[in-house]
Amino acid sequence: MQTKTTHPDLRPTPRQFILGNLCILTATLFFGVNIPVVKDLIPHWMSAMDVTVFRLAGGCVLMWLVSLFVRTTPIARGDWMRVILGGGLGMFSFIFLFNLSLRYGSPIDVSIIMTLPPVFIFLYNLIFRHRRSGTIEYIGVAVGLAGACLVIVAGGTSAKGGSDHLLGDLLAVASALCYAFYLIVLEGPSHTYRPVSLLRWVFLFASVPALFLIPDFVKAPIFSAGTAEAWGLIGFVVLCPTFLAYFLLSPATKMIGSDMVSIYQYLVPVFATIGSVVMHLEVLKTVQAVAMAVIVGGMVLTEIGKRRHAESGRTDGGATSR
């Protein structure tokens, strides 16, 4: 994948480099802290379905409000199916299963498993697009999957653990698969449209299936006995990881490139672990630390292999074209 950082004339200035890294670091912090925050809300203040409605409906409203004040572009007819599938199936399933996984599982385990979408995208490209890869990439994917299996097999309980740890881990894997589907389906449109132009429709279509969850939504305990802390937590979930993080991703990618941005995803389990320990939701176990290191190591190997393969391809292509 070519980015603005791969061409010597398009390298970021020192100011752009600092701002870009600050943007993606903040977004990653939001994504990581979101995991223990949602765990703290479920099931005491609301169910997984309630959080899903809050997040999708809230994100939809905020995206459409912002679209009134920024320049947007219409979606081309040929992209509508991708947008509908990406929102109505990809985003909804990803967020719903993610919240459900936290109902049953450990927030640290879930955060570790949620680093797997790049592995699933790699496998999709390998199986369906027949993309050739280098040996290092294959090793990296195998190591990453081994780390995920270690998380699932090891099991364990947390201080405020879920009722079925294995079910929570499997739901997290399903959520990661749905997120990978979301990224694959919207890969083309995401490069074509501005974030608000695309995301306002993605959130709108993701909110449609969430309408079926509304009958139970109005019965959530937060409406009858919610404290300021509980409302503050759900406000953070809607505003920061659902809304602001997406706006920070776009300028970060433009300033420092998508390769650099992708590296930050491996900090999500770190921030989630710190948040879980600080909020007294979890005690970090040795097996979790090992699994985190294995998955991150696998992903780093995959990235290294991907870059070497891309450089090799550009070199071969340059040689044959001349």
Protein backbone atom coordinates (compact mmCIF):
# COMPACT_ATOMS: atom_id res chain seq x y z
CA MET A 1 0.00 0.00 0.00
CA GLN A 2 1.47 3.31 -1.02
CA THR A 3 1.21 6.23 1.35
CA LYS A 4 2.35 9.78 1.48
CA THR A 5 5.33 8.75 3.50
CA THR A 6 6.72 6.39 0.85
CA HIS A 7 7.74 9.12 -1.61
CA PRO A 8 10.78 11.21 -0.70
CA ASP A 9 9.14 14.43 -1.88
CA LEU A 10 6.02 13.82 0.19
CA ARG A 11 7.59 13.18 3.56
CA PRO A 12 5.81 14.96 6.42
CA THR A 13 7.29 18.12 7.84
CA PRO A 14 8.34 17.99 11.52
CA ARG A 15 5.09 19.77 12.45
CA GLN A 16 2.99 17.35 10.40
CA PHE A 17 4.84 14.38 11.89
CA ILE A 18 4.17 15.54 15.46
CA LEU A 19 0.53 16.47 14.81
CA GLY A 20 -0.14 13.26 12.90
CA ASN A 21 1.28 11.11 15.67
CA LEU A 22 -0.68 13.06 18.31
CA CYS A 23 -3.91 12.53 16.33
CA ILE A 24 -3.51 8.78 15.96
CA LEU A 25 -2.21 8.39 19.54
CA THR A 26 -5.34 10.14 20.85
CA ALA A 27 -7.63 8.04 18.66
CA THR A 28 -5.88 4.85 19.81
CA LEU A 29 -6.24 5.94 23.43
CA PHE A 30 -9.99 6.43 22.87
CA PHE A 31 -10.33 2.97 21.29
CA GLY A 32 -8.39 1.31 24.09
CA VAL A 33 -10.12 3.02 27.02
CA ASN A 34 -13.50 2.37 25.40
CA ILE A 35 -13.15 -1.36 26.18
CA PRO A 36 -13.04 -1.16 30.00
CA VAL A 37 -15.59 1.67 29.97
CA VAL A 38 -18.13 -0.47 28.08
CA LYS A 39 -17.32 -3.39 30.37
CA ASP A 40 -18.11 -1.19 33.36
CA LEU A 41 -21.49 -0.22 31.88
CA ILE A 42 -22.56 -3.80 31.05
CA PRO A 43 -24.67 -5.23 32.58
CA HIS A 44 -25.13 -2.97 35.62
CA TRP A 45 -26.40 0.11 33.79
CA MET A 46 -27.38 -1.27 30.40
CA SER A 47 -27.23 -4.36 28.24
CA ALA A 48 -25.00 -4.95 25.23
CA MET A 49 -27.98 -4.10 23.02
CA ASP A 50 -28.49 -0.79 24.85
CA VAL A 51 -24.86 0.24 24.36
CA THR A 52 -25.16 -0.68 20.68
CA VAL A 53 -28.18 1.59 20.24
CA PHE A 54 -26.50 4.44 22.12
CA ARG A 55 -23.32 4.17 20.09
CA LEU A 56 -24.84 3.79 16.62
CA ALA A 57 -27.69 6.27 17.06
CA GLY A 58 -25.45 8.78 18.83
CA GLY A 59 -22.75 8.46 16.19
CA CYS A 60 -25.33 8.84 13.42
CA VAL A 61 -26.77 12.03 14.93
CA LEU A 62 -23.33 13.58 15.47
CA MET A 63 -22.14 12.69 11.95
CA TRP A 64 -25.20 14.23 10.33
CA LEU A 65 -24.94 17.36 12.50
CA VAL A 66 -21.33 17.86 11.47
CA SER A 67 -22.25 17.28 7.81
CA LEU A 68 -24.33 20.48 8.00
CA PHE A 69 -21.19 22.55 8.60
CA VAL A 70 -18.55 20.88 6.39
CA ARG A 71 -18.31 20.25 2.69
CA THR A 72 -19.61 16.84 1.65
CA THR A 73 -19.83 14.94 -1.62
CA PRO A 74 -22.68 12.67 -2.79
CA ILE A 75 -22.18 8.91 -2.93
CA ALA A 76 -21.90 7.52 -6.47
CA ARG A 77 -24.53 5.02 -7.55
CA GLY A 78 -22.02 2.22 -7.89
CA ASP A 79 -20.86 2.62 -4.27
CA TRP A 80 -24.25 2.46 -2.55
CA MET A 81 -24.26 -1.33 -2.16
CA ARG A 82 -20.87 -1.23 -0.46
CA VAL A 83 -22.00 1.55 1.87
CA ILE A 84 -25.21 -0.32 2.77
CA LEU A 85 -23.35 -3.58 3.41
CA GLY A 86 -20.57 -1.83 5.28
CA GLY A 87 -23.00 -0.07 7.60
CA GLY A 88 -26.02 -2.32 7.88
CA LEU A 89 -24.05 -5.54 8.14
CA GLY A 90 -20.39 -4.75 8.85
CA MET A 91 -20.51 -1.92 11.37
CA PHE A 92 -23.70 -3.04 13.13
CA SER A 93 -22.47 -6.62 13.56
CA PHE A 94 -19.02 -5.50 14.64
CA ILE A 95 -20.27 -3.14 17.37
CA PHE A 96 -23.11 -5.42 18.53
CA LEU A 97 -20.88 -8.50 18.85
CA PHE A 98 -18.12 -6.43 20.42
CA ASN A 99 -20.47 -5.18 23.15
CA LEU A 100 -21.86 -8.69 23.62
CA SER A 101 -18.35 -10.12 24.00
CA LEU A 102 -17.71 -7.69 26.85
CA ARG A 103 -20.92 -8.87 28.53
CA TYR A 104 -19.40 -12.33 28.92
CA GLY A 105 -15.64 -12.00 28.57
CA SER A 106 -12.59 -10.31 29.99
CA PRO A 107 -11.87 -6.77 28.71
CA ILE A 108 -8.16 -7.56 28.39
CA ASP A 109 -8.82 -10.74 26.41
CA VAL A 110 -11.28 -8.92 24.15
CA SER A 111 -8.79 -6.12 23.51
CA ILE A 112 -6.11 -8.67 22.56
CA ILE A 113 -8.44 -10.53 20.18
CA MET A 114 -9.53 -7.27 18.55
CA THR A 115 -6.03 -6.87 17.08
CA LEU A 116 -6.85 -9.71 14.66
CA PRO A 117 -8.68 -7.91 11.79
CA PRO A 118 -5.42 -7.46 9.81
CA VAL A 119 -4.94 -11.25 9.98
CA PHE A 120 -8.43 -11.88 8.61
CA ILE A 121 -7.90 -9.31 5.86
CA PHE A 122 -4.64 -11.03 4.95
CA LEU A 123 -6.39 -14.40 4.74
CA TYR A 124 -9.19 -12.89 2.62
CA ASN A 125 -6.68 -11.44 0.17
CA LEU A 126 -4.83 -14.75 0.08
CA ILE A 127 -7.89 -16.96 -0.49
CA PHE A 128 -10.21 -14.81 -2.60
CA ARG A 129 -7.87 -12.34 -4.28
CA HIS A 130 -4.99 -14.81 -4.65
CA ARG A 131 -2.51 -12.20 -3.44
CA ARG A 132 0.97 -13.63 -3.19
CA SER A 133 2.86 -12.93 0.01
CA GLY A 134 6.31 -13.46 1.41
CA THR A 135 7.34 -16.09 3.93
CA ILE A 136 7.61 -13.54 6.74
CA GLU A 137 3.96 -12.54 6.25
CA TYR A 138 2.82 -16.16 6.52
CA ILE A 139 4.87 -16.62 9.68
CA GLY A 140 3.45 -13.40 11.16
CA VAL A 141 -0.14 -14.47 10.49
CA ALA A 142 0.49 -17.91 12.01
CA VAL A 143 2.03 -16.34 15.12
CA GLY A 144 -0.89 -13.91 15.47
CA LEU A 145 -3.45 -16.70 15.23
CA ALA A 146 -1.47 -18.74 17.76
CA GLY A 147 -1.67 -15.83 20.19
CA ALA A 148 -5.44 -15.60 19.74
CA CYS A 149 -5.79 -19.34 20.34
CA LEU A 150 -3.72 -18.95 23.50
CA VAL A 151 -6.17 -16.33 24.79
CA ILE A 152 -9.21 -18.49 24.04
CA VAL A 153 -7.79 -21.76 25.38
CA ALA A 154 -6.24 -20.30 28.53
CA GLY A 155 -9.53 -18.92 29.84
CA GLY A 156 -9.62 -17.36 33.30
CA THR A 157 -11.79 -14.99 35.29
CA SER A 158 -11.63 -11.29 36.09
CA ALA A 159 -12.51 -9.22 39.11
CA LYS A 160 -15.82 -8.31 37.51
CA GLY A 161 -15.61 -11.09 34.95
CA GLY A 162 -18.25 -12.25 32.53
CA SER A 163 -20.43 -15.27 33.08
CA ASP A 164 -18.92 -17.27 30.23
CA HIS A 165 -15.33 -16.46 29.38
CA LEU A 166 -15.06 -18.77 26.38
CA LEU A 167 -18.27 -17.41 24.86
CA GLY A 168 -16.95 -13.87 25.29
CA ASP A 169 -13.72 -14.75 23.48
CA LEU A 170 -15.57 -16.42 20.61
CA LEU A 171 -17.89 -13.42 20.28
CA ALA A 172 -14.82 -11.18 20.16
CA VAL A 173 -13.41 -13.28 17.31
CA ALA A 174 -16.73 -12.95 15.46
CA SER A 175 -16.65 -9.19 16.06
CA ALA A 176 -13.11 -8.97 14.68
CA LEU A 177 -14.27 -10.90 11.59
CA CYS A 178 -17.13 -8.44 11.09
CA TYR A 179 -14.76 -5.49 11.44
CA ALA A 180 -12.47 -7.03 8.83
CA PHE A 181 -15.52 -7.40 6.55
CA TYR A 182 -16.36 -3.74 7.20
CA LEU A 183 -12.84 -2.64 6.22
CA ILE A 184 -12.79 -4.82 3.09
CA VAL A 185 -16.21 -3.71 1.83
CA LEU A 186 -15.52 0.00 2.40
CA GLU A 187 -11.89 -0.07 1.28
CA GLY A 188 -12.68 1.61 -2.05
CA PRO A 189 -15.20 4.23 -0.83
CA SER A 190 -12.98 5.17 2.13
CA HIS A 191 -10.33 6.39 -0.32
CA THR A 192 -12.89 8.19 -2.48
CA TYR A 193 -14.98 10.22 -0.04
CA ARG A 194 -14.31 12.54 2.85
CA PRO A 195 -14.86 10.91 6.27
CA VAL A 196 -18.11 12.76 7.04
CA SER A 197 -19.51 12.19 3.54
CA LEU A 198 -19.09 8.44 3.95
CA LEU A 199 -19.56 7.90 7.68
CA ARG A 200 -22.87 9.74 7.95
CA TRP A 201 -24.41 7.14 5.61
CA VAL A 202 -22.53 4.21 7.14
CA PHE A 203 -23.84 5.11 10.60
CA LEU A 204 -27.32 5.70 9.22
CA PHE A 205 -27.50 2.22 7.67
CA ALA A 206 -25.93 0.70 10.78
CA SER A 207 -28.67 2.33 12.86
CA VAL A 208 -31.45 0.64 10.86
CA PRO A 209 -31.01 -2.88 12.35
CA ALA A 210 -30.44 -1.22 15.73
CA LEU A 211 -34.08 -0.07 15.60
CA PHE A 212 -35.11 -3.63 16.45
CA LEU A 213 -33.28 -3.27 19.78
CA ILE A 214 -35.21 -0.16 20.88
CA PRO A 215 -38.12 -1.97 22.71
CA ASP A 216 -35.68 -3.19 25.38
CA PHE A 217 -33.54 -0.05 25.14
CA VAL A 218 -36.12 2.14 26.92
CA LYS A 219 -36.06 -0.28 29.88
CA ALA A 220 -32.33 0.20 30.53
CA PRO A 221 -31.54 0.85 34.25
CA ILE A 222 -29.57 3.98 33.34
CA PHE A 223 -32.82 5.77 32.48
CA SER A 224 -34.42 5.07 35.86
CA ALA A 225 -31.46 5.12 38.24
CA GLY A 226 -28.50 6.36 36.22
CA THR A 227 -25.84 8.32 38.09
CA ALA A 228 -23.76 11.18 36.71
CA GLU A 229 -20.84 8.75 36.44
CA ALA A 230 -22.87 6.28 34.36
CA TRP A 231 -24.06 9.01 32.00
CA GLY A 232 -20.52 10.32 31.76
CA LEU A 233 -19.26 6.87 30.73
CA ILE A 234 -21.84 6.41 27.97
CA GLY A 235 -21.24 10.00 26.86
CA PHE A 236 -17.54 9.17 26.49
CA VAL A 237 -18.38 6.04 24.45
CA VAL A 238 -20.57 8.01 22.02
CA LEU A 239 -18.38 11.11 21.72
CA CYS A 240 -14.79 9.86 21.83
CA PRO A 241 -14.26 6.35 20.33
CA THR A 242 -17.39 6.51 18.15
CA PHE A 243 -17.19 10.09 16.86
CA LEU A 244 -13.94 11.99 17.52
CA ALA A 245 -11.61 9.06 16.84
CA TYR A 246 -12.79 8.79 13.23
CA PHE A 247 -12.03 12.47 12.65
CA LEU A 248 -8.56 12.06 14.09
CA LEU A 249 -7.80 9.05 11.88
CA SER A 250 -8.24 10.98 8.64
CA PRO A 251 -5.72 13.81 9.24
CA ALA A 252 -3.31 11.35 10.86
CA THR A 253 -3.34 9.16 7.74
CA LYS A 254 -2.80 12.17 5.50
CA MET A 255 0.08 13.56 7.58
CA ILE A 256 2.09 10.43 8.47
CA GLY A 257 0.71 7.73 6.15
CA SER A 258 -1.44 4.66 6.67
CA ASP A 259 1.54 2.39 7.42
CA MET A 260 2.49 4.44 10.46
CA VAL A 261 -1.15 4.76 11.52
CA SER A 262 -1.64 0.97 11.35
CA ILE A 263 1.21 0.40 13.81
CA TYR A 264 -0.70 2.22 16.54
CA GLN A 265 -3.46 -0.41 16.58
CA TYR A 266 -1.13 -2.61 18.60
CA LEU A 267 -1.32 -0.11 21.47
CA VAL A 268 -5.08 -0.70 21.90
CA PRO A 269 -4.59 -3.73 24.21
CA VAL A 270 -2.03 -1.75 26.20
CA PHE A 271 -4.43 1.14 26.85
CA ALA A 272 -7.31 -1.30 27.46
CA THR A 273 -5.22 -3.21 30.00
CA ILE A 274 -4.16 -0.06 31.83
CA GLY A 275 -7.76 1.16 31.89
CA SER A 276 -9.05 -2.21 33.12
CA VAL A 277 -6.53 -2.33 35.96
CA VAL A 278 -7.11 1.31 36.98
CA MET A 279 -10.89 0.78 37.00
CA HIS A 280 -10.43 -2.43 39.04
CA LEU A 281 -12.13 -4.52 36.36
CA GLU A 282 -9.23 -6.86 35.72
CA VAL A 283 -5.92 -8.11 37.06
CA LEU A 284 -3.37 -8.70 34.30
CA LYS A 285 -2.36 -12.36 34.15
CA THR A 286 0.89 -13.77 32.81
CA VAL A 287 -0.87 -15.70 30.04
CA GLN A 288 -2.58 -12.51 28.86
CA ALA A 289 0.72 -10.63 28.74
CA VAL A 290 2.31 -13.49 26.80
CA ALA A 291 -0.62 -13.69 24.37
CA MET A 292 -0.48 -9.93 23.83
CA ALA A 293 3.24 -10.11 23.08
CA VAL A 294 2.73 -13.05 20.70
CA ILE A 295 -0.06 -11.34 18.73
CA VAL A 296 1.76 -8.01 18.55
CA GLY A 297 4.93 -9.82 17.48
CA GLY A 298 2.99 -11.66 14.79
CA MET A 299 1.47 -8.44 13.49
CA VAL A 300 4.86 -6.72 13.42
CA LEU A 301 6.28 -9.64 11.41
CA THR A 302 3.32 -9.36 9.03
CA GLU A 303 3.91 -5.64 8.54
CA ILE A 304 7.63 -6.20 7.93
CA GLY A 305 6.88 -8.96 5.43
CA LYS A 306 4.25 -6.82 3.70
CA ARG A 307 6.66 -3.92 3.25
CA ARG A 308 9.46 -6.14 1.97
CA HIS A 309 7.09 -7.85 -0.45
CA ALA A 310 5.83 -4.47 -1.70
CA GLU A 311 9.37 -3.16 -2.14
CA SER A 312 10.33 -6.35 -3.99
CA GLY A 313 7.29 -5.98 -6.25
CA ARG A 314 8.11 -2.36 -7.06
CA THR A 315 11.72 -3.31 -7.82
CA ASP A 316 10.68 -6.17 -10.09
CA GLY A 317 8.08 -4.04 -11.80
CA GLY A 318 10.58 -1.26 -12.37
CA ALA A 319 13.08 -3.68 -13.85
CA THR A 320 10.64 -5.21 -16.28
CA SER A 321 9.14 -1.90 -17.40
CA ARG A 322 12.51 -0.57 -18.31
